[in-house]
Amino acid sequence: MHSNDAQMLVLTVLAEGPLHGYAINTAIEELTGRKLGPGSLYGALSRLEARELIRPSDDASEGRHRTMRITDAGRATLRAELEQMARVSQAGLRALGPA
C-alpha cells in the first residue's frame, strides 16, 4: 500500500469522528478487510499532522492513546481526492464496458 493510500484511509475513517491509533486501524480493517502495518499507520498520521490535515483532539488523550481528529483542511483535501477518484473510477468502468 502506498503512503498516499494510507493517508486517504486515515482521513476517511477520521471523517466520522476522532479516534486513537488502534481504533483508526480497526476502522480501516472494517472498511478494507486489512490493517495497516504500524509503520504505514504512524507514518501516515505523522505526515497528515505535519500537513495540518489532522490534529490532536481537544479531549487530548485517552490514557496512553493519542486521539486525532480531521481538520477543515483535511476534510477539503479528502473531498477533493475522493471526487477525483470517483471520476477516474467512472471513466475506467465505462472503458471496460459491461461485465
PDB file of N, CA and C in Angstrom:
ATOM      1  N   MET A   1       0.846  -1.177   0.000  1.00  0.00           N
ATOM      2  CA  MET A   1       0.000   0.000   0.000  1.00  0.00           C
ATOM      3  C   MET A   1       0.893   1.242   0.000  1.00  0.00           C
ATOM      4  N   HIS A   2       0.561   2.201  -0.829  1.00  0.00           N
ATOM      5  CA  HIS A   2       1.322   3.438  -0.904  1.00  0.00           C
ATOM      6  C   HIS A   2       0.976   4.349   0.266  1.00  0.00           C
ATOM      7  N   SER A   3       1.906   5.266   0.594  1.00  0.00           N
ATOM      8  CA  SER A   3       1.666   6.166   1.728  1.00  0.00           C
ATOM      9  C   SER A   3       0.447   7.045   1.489  1.00  0.00           C
ATOM     10  N   ASN A   4       0.205   7.463   0.236  1.00  0.00           N
ATOM     11  CA  ASN A   4      -0.988   8.265  -0.042  1.00  0.00           C
ATOM     12  C   ASN A   4      -2.258   7.465   0.207  1.00  0.00           C
ATOM     13  N   ASP A   5      -2.241   6.161  -0.121  1.00  0.00           N
ATOM     14  CA  ASP A   5      -3.393   5.310   0.154  1.00  0.00           C
ATOM     15  C   ASP A   5      -3.656   5.260   1.655  1.00  0.00           C
ATOM     16  N   ALA A   6      -2.608   5.065   2.441  1.00  0.00           N
ATOM     17  CA  ALA A   6      -2.749   5.008   3.897  1.00  0.00           C
ATOM     18  C   ALA A   6      -3.294   6.334   4.425  1.00  0.00           C
ATOM     19  N   GLN A   7      -2.791   7.438   3.894  1.00  0.00           N
ATOM     20  CA  GLN A   7      -3.269   8.741   4.338  1.00  0.00           C
ATOM     21  C   GLN A   7      -4.747   8.931   3.998  1.00  0.00           C
ATOM     22  N   MET A   8      -5.158   8.507   2.817  1.00  0.00           N
ATOM     23  CA  MET A   8      -6.565   8.619   2.424  1.00  0.00           C
ATOM     24  C   MET A   8      -7.449   7.772   3.338  1.00  0.00           C
ATOM     25  N   LEU A   9      -6.999   6.579   3.675  1.00  0.00           N
ATOM     26  CA  LEU A   9      -7.767   5.725   4.571  1.00  0.00           C
ATOM     27  C   LEU A   9      -7.899   6.354   5.952  1.00  0.00           C
ATOM     28  N   VAL A  10      -6.816   6.919   6.454  1.00  0.00           N
ATOM     29  CA  VAL A  10      -6.854   7.579   7.769  1.00  0.00           C
ATOM     30  C   VAL A  10      -7.831   8.745   7.737  1.00  0.00           C
ATOM     31  N   LEU A  11      -7.734   9.603   6.723  1.00  0.00           N
ATOM     32  CA  LEU A  11      -8.661  10.729   6.619  1.00  0.00           C
ATOM     33  C   LEU A  11     -10.105  10.246   6.528  1.00  0.00           C
ATOM     34  N   THR A  12     -10.327   9.189   5.765  1.00  0.00           N
ATOM     35  CA  THR A  12     -11.682   8.665   5.594  1.00  0.00           C
ATOM     36  C   THR A  12     -12.279   8.222   6.922  1.00  0.00           C
ATOM     37  N   VAL A  13     -11.539   7.466   7.706  1.00  0.00           N
ATOM     38  CA  VAL A  13     -12.109   6.996   8.976  1.00  0.00           C
ATOM     39  C   VAL A  13     -12.209   8.122   9.997  1.00  0.00           C
ATOM     40  N   LEU A  14     -11.299   9.109   9.950  1.00  0.00           N
ATOM     41  CA  LEU A  14     -11.391  10.232  10.885  1.00  0.00           C
ATOM     42  C   LEU A  14     -12.516  11.196  10.514  1.00  0.00           C
ATOM     43  N   ALA A  15     -13.008  11.132   9.285  1.00  0.00           N
ATOM     44  CA  ALA A  15     -14.126  11.987   8.878  1.00  0.00           C
ATOM     45  C   ALA A  15     -15.377  11.671   9.708  1.00  0.00           C
ATOM     46  N   GLU A  16     -15.447  10.466  10.251  1.00  0.00           N
ATOM     47  CA  GLU A  16     -16.596  10.075  11.075  1.00  0.00           C
ATOM     48  C   GLU A  16     -16.458  10.507  12.524  1.00  0.00           C
ATOM     49  N   GLY A  17     -15.255  10.905  12.943  1.00  0.00           N
ATOM     50  CA  GLY A  17     -15.058  11.362  14.315  1.00  0.00           C
ATOM     51  C   GLY A  17     -13.669  11.025  14.814  1.00  0.00           C
ATOM     52  N   PRO A  18     -13.271  11.647  15.930  1.00  0.00           N
ATOM     53  CA  PRO A  18     -11.926  11.435  16.489  1.00  0.00           C
ATOM     54  C   PRO A  18     -11.691   9.988  16.917  1.00  0.00           C
ATOM     55  N   LEU A  19     -10.468   9.515  16.676  1.00  0.00           N
ATOM     56  CA  LEU A  19     -10.067   8.163  17.059  1.00  0.00           C
ATOM     57  C   LEU A  19      -8.591   8.165  17.448  1.00  0.00           C
ATOM     58  N   HIS A  20      -8.186   7.167  18.233  1.00  0.00           N
ATOM     59  CA  HIS A  20      -6.756   6.966  18.507  1.00  0.00           C
ATOM     60  C   HIS A  20      -6.227   5.920  17.532  1.00  0.00           C
ATOM     61  N   GLY A  21      -4.915   5.746  17.508  1.00  0.00           N
ATOM     62  CA  GLY A  21      -4.259   4.894  16.504  1.00  0.00           C
ATOM     63  C   GLY A  21      -4.839   3.505  16.354  1.00  0.00           C
ATOM     64  N   TYR A  22      -5.028   2.795  17.456  1.00  0.00           N
ATOM     65  CA  TYR A  22      -5.561   1.434  17.372  1.00  0.00           C
ATOM     66  C   TYR A  22      -6.969   1.441  16.782  1.00  0.00           C
ATOM     67  N   ALA A  23      -7.793   2.399  17.219  1.00  0.00           N
ATOM     68  CA  ALA A  23      -9.163   2.488  16.713  1.00  0.00           C
ATOM     69  C   ALA A  23      -9.178   2.891  15.235  1.00  0.00           C
ATOM     70  N   ILE A  24      -8.224   3.740  14.825  1.00  0.00           N
ATOM     71  CA  ILE A  24      -8.104   4.106  13.407  1.00  0.00           C
ATOM     72  C   ILE A  24      -7.831   2.851  12.592  1.00  0.00           C
ATOM     73  N   ASN A  25      -6.891   2.041  13.047  1.00  0.00           N
ATOM     74  CA  ASN A  25      -6.533   0.832  12.306  1.00  0.00           C
ATOM     75  C   ASN A  25      -7.680  -0.180  12.300  1.00  0.00           C
ATOM     76  N   THR A  26      -8.417  -0.267  13.387  1.00  0.00           N
ATOM     77  CA  THR A  26      -9.584  -1.159  13.444  1.00  0.00           C
ATOM     78  C   THR A  26     -10.641  -0.700  12.436  1.00  0.00           C
ATOM     79  N   ALA A  27     -10.887   0.607  12.369  1.00  0.00           N
ATOM     80  CA  ALA A  27     -11.866   1.145  11.414  1.00  0.00           C
ATOM     81  C   ALA A  27     -11.413   0.908   9.977  1.00  0.00           C
ATOM     82  N   ILE A  28     -10.110   1.045   9.723  1.00  0.00           N
ATOM     83  CA  ILE A  28      -9.565   0.778   8.386  1.00  0.00           C
ATOM     84  C   ILE A  28      -9.752  -0.696   8.044  1.00  0.00           C
ATOM     85  N   GLU A  29      -9.516  -1.575   9.017  1.00  0.00           N
ATOM     86  CA  GLU A  29      -9.697  -3.009   8.771  1.00  0.00           C
ATOM     87  C   GLU A  29     -11.169  -3.317   8.457  1.00  0.00           C
ATOM     88  N   GLU A  30     -12.092  -2.685   9.178  1.00  0.00           N
ATOM     89  CA  GLU A  30     -13.521  -2.896   8.902  1.00  0.00           C
ATOM     90  C   GLU A  30     -13.880  -2.416   7.496  1.00  0.00           C
ATOM     91  N   LEU A  31     -13.245  -1.330   7.055  1.00  0.00           N
ATOM     92  CA  LEU A  31     -13.525  -0.754   5.742  1.00  0.00           C
ATOM     93  C   LEU A  31     -12.913  -1.557   4.601  1.00  0.00           C
ATOM     94  N   THR A  32     -11.674  -2.009   4.790  1.00  0.00           N
ATOM     95  CA  THR A  32     -10.923  -2.612   3.686  1.00  0.00           C
ATOM     96  C   THR A  32     -10.684  -4.115   3.818  1.00  0.00           C
ATOM     97  N   GLY A  33     -10.856  -4.645   5.027  1.00  0.00           N
ATOM     98  CA  GLY A  33     -10.571  -6.054   5.251  1.00  0.00           C
ATOM     99  C   GLY A  33      -9.137  -6.332   5.652  1.00  0.00           C
ATOM    100  N   ARG A  34      -8.332  -5.280   5.779  1.00  0.00           N
ATOM    101  CA  ARG A  34      -6.953  -5.489   6.244  1.00  0.00           C
ATOM    102  C   ARG A  34      -6.472  -4.275   7.028  1.00  0.00           C
ATOM    103  N   LYS A  35      -5.523  -4.542   7.928  1.00  0.00           N
ATOM    104  CA  LYS A  35      -4.939  -3.490   8.752  1.00  0.00           C
ATOM    105  C   LYS A  35      -3.706  -2.920   8.068  1.00  0.00           C
ATOM    106  N   LEU A  36      -3.387  -1.693   8.437  1.00  0.00           N
ATOM    107  CA  LEU A  36      -2.115  -1.105   8.016  1.00  0.00           C
ATOM    108  C   LEU A  36      -1.038  -1.596   8.977  1.00  0.00           C
ATOM    109  N   GLY A  37       0.171  -1.752   8.491  1.00  0.00           N
ATOM    110  CA  GLY A  37       1.286  -2.048   9.375  1.00  0.00           C
ATOM    111  C   GLY A  37       1.575  -0.829  10.235  1.00  0.00           C
ATOM    112  N   PRO A  38       2.218  -1.015  11.394  1.00  0.00           N
ATOM    113  CA  PRO A  38       2.490   0.122  12.282  1.00  0.00           C
ATOM    114  C   PRO A  38       3.253   1.252  11.589  1.00  0.00           C
ATOM    115  N   GLY A  39       4.221   0.916  10.742  1.00  0.00           N
ATOM    116  CA  GLY A  39       4.980   1.951  10.037  1.00  0.00           C
ATOM    117  C   GLY A  39       4.102   2.754   9.092  1.00  0.00           C
ATOM    118  N   SER A  40       3.216   2.055   8.389  1.00  0.00           N
ATOM    119  CA  SER A  40       2.307   2.746   7.461  1.00  0.00           C
ATOM    120  C   SER A  40       1.331   3.633   8.215  1.00  0.00           C
ATOM    121  N   LEU A  41       0.736   3.103   9.290  1.00  0.00           N
ATOM    122  CA  LEU A  41      -0.250   3.866  10.050  1.00  0.00           C
ATOM    123  C   LEU A  41       0.380   5.098  10.686  1.00  0.00           C
ATOM    124  N   TYR A  42       1.444   4.897  11.458  1.00  0.00           N
ATOM    125  CA  TYR A  42       2.019   6.029  12.191  1.00  0.00           C
ATOM    126  C   TYR A  42       2.760   6.977  11.267  1.00  0.00           C
ATOM    127  N   GLY A  43       3.289   6.470  10.145  1.00  0.00           N
ATOM    128  CA  GLY A  43       3.868   7.353   9.137  1.00  0.00           C
ATOM    129  C   GLY A  43       2.801   8.248   8.527  1.00  0.00           C
ATOM    130  N   ALA A  44       1.636   7.655   8.215  1.00  0.00           N
ATOM    131  CA  ALA A  44       0.524   8.424   7.654  1.00  0.00           C
ATOM    132  C   ALA A  44       0.046   9.477   8.652  1.00  0.00           C
ATOM    133  N   LEU A  45      -0.100   9.086   9.919  1.00  0.00           N
ATOM    134  CA  LEU A  45      -0.533  10.040  10.944  1.00  0.00           C
ATOM    135  C   LEU A  45       0.450  11.201  11.058  1.00  0.00           C
ATOM    136  N   SER A  46       1.730  10.889  11.052  1.00  0.00           N
ATOM    137  CA  SER A  46       2.759  11.917  11.166  1.00  0.00           C
ATOM    138  C   SER A  46       2.722  12.874   9.978  1.00  0.00           C
ATOM    139  N   ARG A  47       2.618  12.329   8.765  1.00  0.00           N
ATOM    140  CA  ARG A  47       2.581  13.182   7.569  1.00  0.00           C
ATOM    141  C   ARG A  47       1.309  14.037   7.538  1.00  0.00           C
ATOM    142  N   LEU A  48       0.179  13.442   7.897  1.00  0.00           N
ATOM    143  CA  LEU A  48      -1.078  14.198   7.904  1.00  0.00           C
ATOM    144  C   LEU A  48      -1.049  15.321   8.935  1.00  0.00           C
ATOM    145  N   GLU A  49      -0.466  15.041  10.093  1.00  0.00           N
ATOM    146  CA  GLU A  49      -0.373  16.081  11.129  1.00  0.00           C
ATOM    147  C   GLU A  49       0.582  17.191  10.681  1.00  0.00           C
ATOM    148  N   ALA A  50       1.689  16.831  10.050  1.00  0.00           N
ATOM    149  CA  ALA A  50       2.637  17.831   9.561  1.00  0.00           C
ATOM    150  C   ALA A  50       1.998  18.729   8.505  1.00  0.00           C
ATOM    151  N   ARG A  51       1.083  18.177   7.714  1.00  0.00           N
ATOM    152  CA  ARG A  51       0.378  18.943   6.680  1.00  0.00           C
ATOM    153  C   ARG A  51      -0.855  19.658   7.233  1.00  0.00           C
ATOM    154  N   GLU A  52      -1.082  19.503   8.558  1.00  0.00           N
ATOM    155  CA  GLU A  52      -2.215  20.115   9.267  1.00  0.00           C
ATOM    156  C   GLU A  52      -3.566  19.640   8.736  1.00  0.00           C
ATOM    157  N   LEU A  53      -3.607  18.375   8.286  1.00  0.00           N
ATOM    158  CA  LEU A  53      -4.855  17.778   7.833  1.00  0.00           C
ATOM    159  C   LEU A  53      -5.550  17.024   8.969  1.00  0.00           C
ATOM    160  N   ILE A  54      -4.784  16.705  10.020  1.00  0.00           N
ATOM    161  CA  ILE A  54      -5.335  16.156  11.261  1.00  0.00           C
ATOM    162  C   ILE A  54      -4.628  16.855  12.410  1.00  0.00           C
ATOM    163  N   ARG A  55      -5.225  16.765  13.587  1.00  0.00           N
ATOM    164  CA  ARG A  55      -4.608  17.339  14.786  1.00  0.00           C
ATOM    165  C   ARG A  55      -5.082  16.552  15.997  1.00  0.00           C
ATOM    166  N   PRO A  56      -4.354  16.679  17.115  1.00  0.00           N
ATOM    167  CA  PRO A  56      -4.824  16.009  18.328  1.00  0.00           C
ATOM    168  C   PRO A  56      -6.201  16.546  18.715  1.00  0.00           C
ATOM    169  N   SER A  57      -7.028  15.659  19.205  1.00  0.00           N
ATOM    170  CA  SER A  57      -8.375  16.033  19.624  1.00  0.00           C
ATOM    171  C   SER A  57      -8.318  16.950  20.834  1.00  0.00           C
ATOM    172  N   ASP A  58      -9.316  17.799  20.981  1.00  0.00           N
ATOM    173  CA  ASP A  58      -9.380  18.711  22.125  1.00  0.00           C
ATOM    174  C   ASP A  58      -9.404  17.957  23.446  1.00  0.00           C
ATOM    175  N   ASP A  59     -10.020  16.769  23.448  1.00  0.00           N
ATOM    176  CA  ASP A  59     -10.072  15.989  24.677  1.00  0.00           C
ATOM    177  C   ASP A  59      -8.762  15.237  24.914  1.00  0.00           C
ATOM    178  N   ALA A  60      -7.710  15.653  24.197  1.00  0.00           N
ATOM    179  CA  ALA A  60      -6.338  15.159  24.384  1.00  0.00           C
ATOM    180  C   ALA A  60      -6.231  13.645  24.279  1.00  0.00           C
ATOM    181  N   SER A  61      -5.876  12.994  25.358  1.00  0.00           N
ATOM    182  CA  SER A  61      -5.559  11.570  25.293  1.00  0.00           C
ATOM    183  C   SER A  61      -6.509  10.741  26.130  1.00  0.00           C
ATOM    184  N   GLU A  62      -6.721   9.510  25.678  1.00  0.00           N
ATOM    185  CA  GLU A  62      -7.426   8.513  26.476  1.00  0.00           C
ATOM    186  C   GLU A  62      -6.334   7.623  27.041  1.00  0.00           C
ATOM    187  N   GLY A  63      -5.899   7.912  28.258  1.00  0.00           N
ATOM    188  CA  GLY A  63      -4.796   7.149  28.829  1.00  0.00           C
ATOM    189  C   GLY A  63      -3.543   7.396  28.012  1.00  0.00           C
ATOM    190  N   ARG A  64      -2.973   6.320  27.471  1.00  0.00           N
ATOM    191  CA  ARG A  64      -1.742   6.478  26.683  1.00  0.00           C
ATOM    192  C   ARG A  64      -2.031   6.656  25.202  1.00  0.00           C
ATOM    193  N   HIS A  65      -3.300   6.610  24.805  1.00  0.00           N
ATOM    194  CA  HIS A  65      -3.675   6.744  23.399  1.00  0.00           C
ATOM    195  C   HIS A  65      -3.876   8.204  23.034  1.00  0.00           C
ATOM    196  N   ARG A  66      -3.267   8.621  21.940  1.00  0.00           N
ATOM    197  CA  ARG A  66      -3.414   9.986  21.433  1.00  0.00           C
ATOM    198  C   ARG A  66      -4.548  10.003  20.419  1.00  0.00           C
ATOM    199  N   THR A  67      -5.616  10.720  20.743  1.00  0.00           N
ATOM    200  CA  THR A  67      -6.789  10.783  19.878  1.00  0.00           C
ATOM    201  C   THR A  67      -6.596  11.894  18.852  1.00  0.00           C
ATOM    202  N   MET A  68      -6.855  11.567  17.577  1.00  0.00           N
ATOM    203  CA  MET A  68      -6.681  12.521  16.492  1.00  0.00           C
ATOM    204  C   MET A  68      -8.027  12.849  15.866  1.00  0.00           C
ATOM    205  N   ARG A  69      -8.123  14.041  15.282  1.00  0.00           N
ATOM    206  CA  ARG A  69      -9.332  14.451  14.563  1.00  0.00           C
ATOM    207  C   ARG A  69      -8.929  15.092  13.247  1.00  0.00           C
ATOM    208  N   ILE A  70      -9.830  15.044  12.273  1.00  0.00           N
ATOM    209  CA  ILE A  70      -9.588  15.661  10.973  1.00  0.00           C
ATOM    210  C   ILE A  70      -9.840  17.166  11.088  1.00  0.00           C
ATOM    211  N   THR A  71      -9.053  17.959  10.375  1.00  0.00           N
ATOM    212  CA  THR A  71      -9.245  19.410  10.357  1.00  0.00           C
ATOM    213  C   THR A  71     -10.123  19.791   9.159  1.00  0.00           C
ATOM    214  N   ASP A  72     -10.517  21.059   9.105  1.00  0.00           N
ATOM    215  CA  ASP A  72     -11.282  21.525   7.946  1.00  0.00           C
ATOM    216  C   ASP A  72     -10.475  21.348   6.664  1.00  0.00           C
ATOM    217  N   ALA A  73      -9.168  21.624   6.736  1.00  0.00           N
ATOM    218  CA  ALA A  73      -8.304  21.425   5.565  1.00  0.00           C
ATOM    219  C   ALA A  73      -8.249  19.942   5.188  1.00  0.00           C
ATOM    220  N   GLY A  74      -8.258  19.061   6.177  1.00  0.00           N
ATOM    221  CA  GLY A  74      -8.269  17.630   5.918  1.00  0.00           C
ATOM    222  C   GLY A  74      -9.555  17.197   5.240  1.00  0.00           C
ATOM    223  N   ARG A  75     -10.680  17.762   5.683  1.00  0.00           N
ATOM    224  CA  ARG A  75     -11.971  17.446   5.050  1.00  0.00           C
ATOM    225  C   ARG A  75     -11.981  17.904   3.592  1.00  0.00           C
ATOM    226  N   ALA A  76     -11.463  19.104   3.331  1.00  0.00           N
ATOM    227  CA  ALA A  76     -11.427  19.632   1.963  1.00  0.00           C
ATOM    228  C   ALA A  76     -10.522  18.770   1.085  1.00  0.00           C
ATOM    229  N   THR A  77      -9.380  18.362   1.616  1.00  0.00           N
ATOM    230  CA  THR A  77      -8.450  17.507   0.877  1.00  0.00           C
ATOM    231  C   THR A  77      -9.085  16.155   0.588  1.00  0.00           C
ATOM    232  N   LEU A  78      -9.722  15.574   1.588  1.00  0.00           N
ATOM    233  CA  LEU A  78     -10.371  14.274   1.406  1.00  0.00           C
ATOM    234  C   LEU A  78     -11.469  14.369   0.343  1.00  0.00           C
ATOM    235  N   ARG A  79     -12.295  15.398   0.413  1.00  0.00           N
ATOM    236  CA  ARG A  79     -13.376  15.562  -0.567  1.00  0.00           C
ATOM    237  C   ARG A  79     -12.811  15.669  -1.984  1.00  0.00           C
ATOM    238  N   ALA A  80     -11.779  16.495  -2.165  1.00  0.00           N
ATOM    239  CA  ALA A  80     -11.183  16.680  -3.493  1.00  0.00           C
ATOM    240  C   ALA A  80     -10.603  15.369  -4.019  1.00  0.00           C
ATOM    241  N   GLU A  81      -9.902  14.644  -3.166  1.00  0.00           N
ATOM    242  CA  GLU A  81      -9.302  13.366  -3.578  1.00  0.00           C
ATOM    243  C   GLU A  81     -10.373  12.339  -3.925  1.00  0.00           C
ATOM    244  N   LEU A  82     -11.429  12.258  -3.111  1.00  0.00           N
ATOM    245  CA  LEU A  82     -12.495  11.291  -3.374  1.00  0.00           C
ATOM    246  C   LEU A  82     -13.248  11.626  -4.653  1.00  0.00           C
ATOM    247  N   GLU A  83     -13.468  12.914  -4.905  1.00  0.00           N
ATOM    248  CA  GLU A  83     -14.131  13.309  -6.147  1.00  0.00           C
ATOM    249  C   GLU A  83     -13.283  12.944  -7.357  1.00  0.00           C
ATOM    250  N   GLN A  84     -11.969  13.152  -7.264  1.00  0.00           N
ATOM    251  CA  GLN A  84     -11.070  12.772  -8.359  1.00  0.00           C
ATOM    252  C   GLN A  84     -11.068  11.251  -8.548  1.00  0.00           C
ATOM    253  N   MET A  85     -11.018  10.507  -7.449  1.00  0.00           N
ATOM    254  CA  MET A  85     -11.048   9.048  -7.535  1.00  0.00           C
ATOM    255  C   MET A  85     -12.349   8.566  -8.180  1.00  0.00           C
ATOM    256  N   ALA A  86     -13.453   9.221  -7.857  1.00  0.00           N
ATOM    257  CA  ALA A  86     -14.745   8.841  -8.438  1.00  0.00           C
ATOM    258  C   ALA A  86     -14.741   9.075  -9.945  1.00  0.00           C
ATOM    259  N   ARG A  87     -14.161  10.193 -10.395  1.00  0.00           N
ATOM    260  CA  ARG A  87     -14.084  10.471 -11.841  1.00  0.00           C
ATOM    261  C   ARG A  87     -13.246   9.410 -12.545  1.00  0.00           C
ATOM    262  N   VAL A  88     -12.116   9.056 -11.965  1.00  0.00           N
ATOM    263  CA  VAL A  88     -11.235   8.044 -12.560  1.00  0.00           C
ATOM    264  C   VAL A  88     -11.945   6.695 -12.580  1.00  0.00           C
ATOM    265  N   SER A  89     -12.607   6.344 -11.487  1.00  0.00           N
ATOM    266  CA  SER A  89     -13.322   5.078 -11.408  1.00  0.00           C
ATOM    267  C   SER A  89     -14.423   5.007 -12.454  1.00  0.00           C
ATOM    268  N   GLN A  90     -15.195   6.068 -12.608  1.00  0.00           N
ATOM    269  CA  GLN A  90     -16.268   6.076 -13.598  1.00  0.00           C
ATOM    270  C   GLN A  90     -15.718   5.943 -15.016  1.00  0.00           C
ATOM    271  N   ALA A  91     -14.620   6.642 -15.310  1.00  0.00           N
ATOM    272  CA  ALA A  91     -14.013   6.552 -16.636  1.00  0.00           C
ATOM    273  C   ALA A  91     -13.500   5.141 -16.893  1.00  0.00           C
ATOM    274  N   GLY A  92     -12.887   4.532 -15.914  1.00  0.00           N
ATOM    275  CA  GLY A  92     -12.373   3.173 -16.064  1.00  0.00           C
ATOM    276  C   GLY A  92     -13.492   2.167 -16.279  1.00  0.00           C
ATOM    277  N   LEU A  93     -14.559   2.298 -15.518  1.00  0.00           N
ATOM    278  CA  LEU A  93     -15.698   1.389 -15.675  1.00  0.00           C
ATOM    279  C   LEU A  93     -16.355   1.549 -17.042  1.00  0.00           C
ATOM    280  N   ARG A  94     -16.466   2.782 -17.520  1.00  0.00           N
ATOM    281  CA  ARG A  94     -17.011   2.999 -18.864  1.00  0.00           C
ATOM    282  C   ARG A  94     -16.129   2.345 -19.906  1.00  0.00           C
ATOM    283  N   ALA A  95     -14.810   2.507 -19.765  1.00  0.00           N
ATOM    284  CA  ALA A  95     -13.861   1.942 -20.729  1.00  0.00           C
ATOM    285  C   ALA A  95     -13.929   0.413 -20.752  1.00  0.00           C
ATOM    286  N   LEU A  96     -14.172  -0.193 -19.602  1.00  0.00           N
ATOM    287  CA  LEU A  96     -14.259  -1.649 -19.537  1.00  0.00           C
ATOM    288  C   LEU A  96     -15.535  -2.188 -20.154  1.00  0.00           C
ATOM    289  N   GLY A  97     -16.571  -1.379 -20.168  1.00  0.00           N
ATOM    290  CA  GLY A  97     -17.842  -1.840 -20.722  1.00  0.00           C
ATOM    291  C   GLY A  97     -18.585  -2.746 -19.767  1.00  0.00           C
ATOM    292  N   PRO A  98     -19.673  -3.352 -20.253  1.00  0.00           N
ATOM    293  CA  PRO A  98     -20.475  -4.228 -19.386  1.00  0.00           C
ATOM    294  C   PRO A  98     -19.680  -5.439 -18.894  1.00  0.00           C
ATOM    295  N   ALA A  99     -20.017  -5.863 -17.695  1.00  0.00           N
ATOM    296  CA  ALA A  99     -19.311  -7.021 -17.092  1.00  0.00           C
ATOM    297  C   ALA A  99     -19.713  -8.322 -17.745  1.00  0.00           C
TER     298      ALA A  99
END
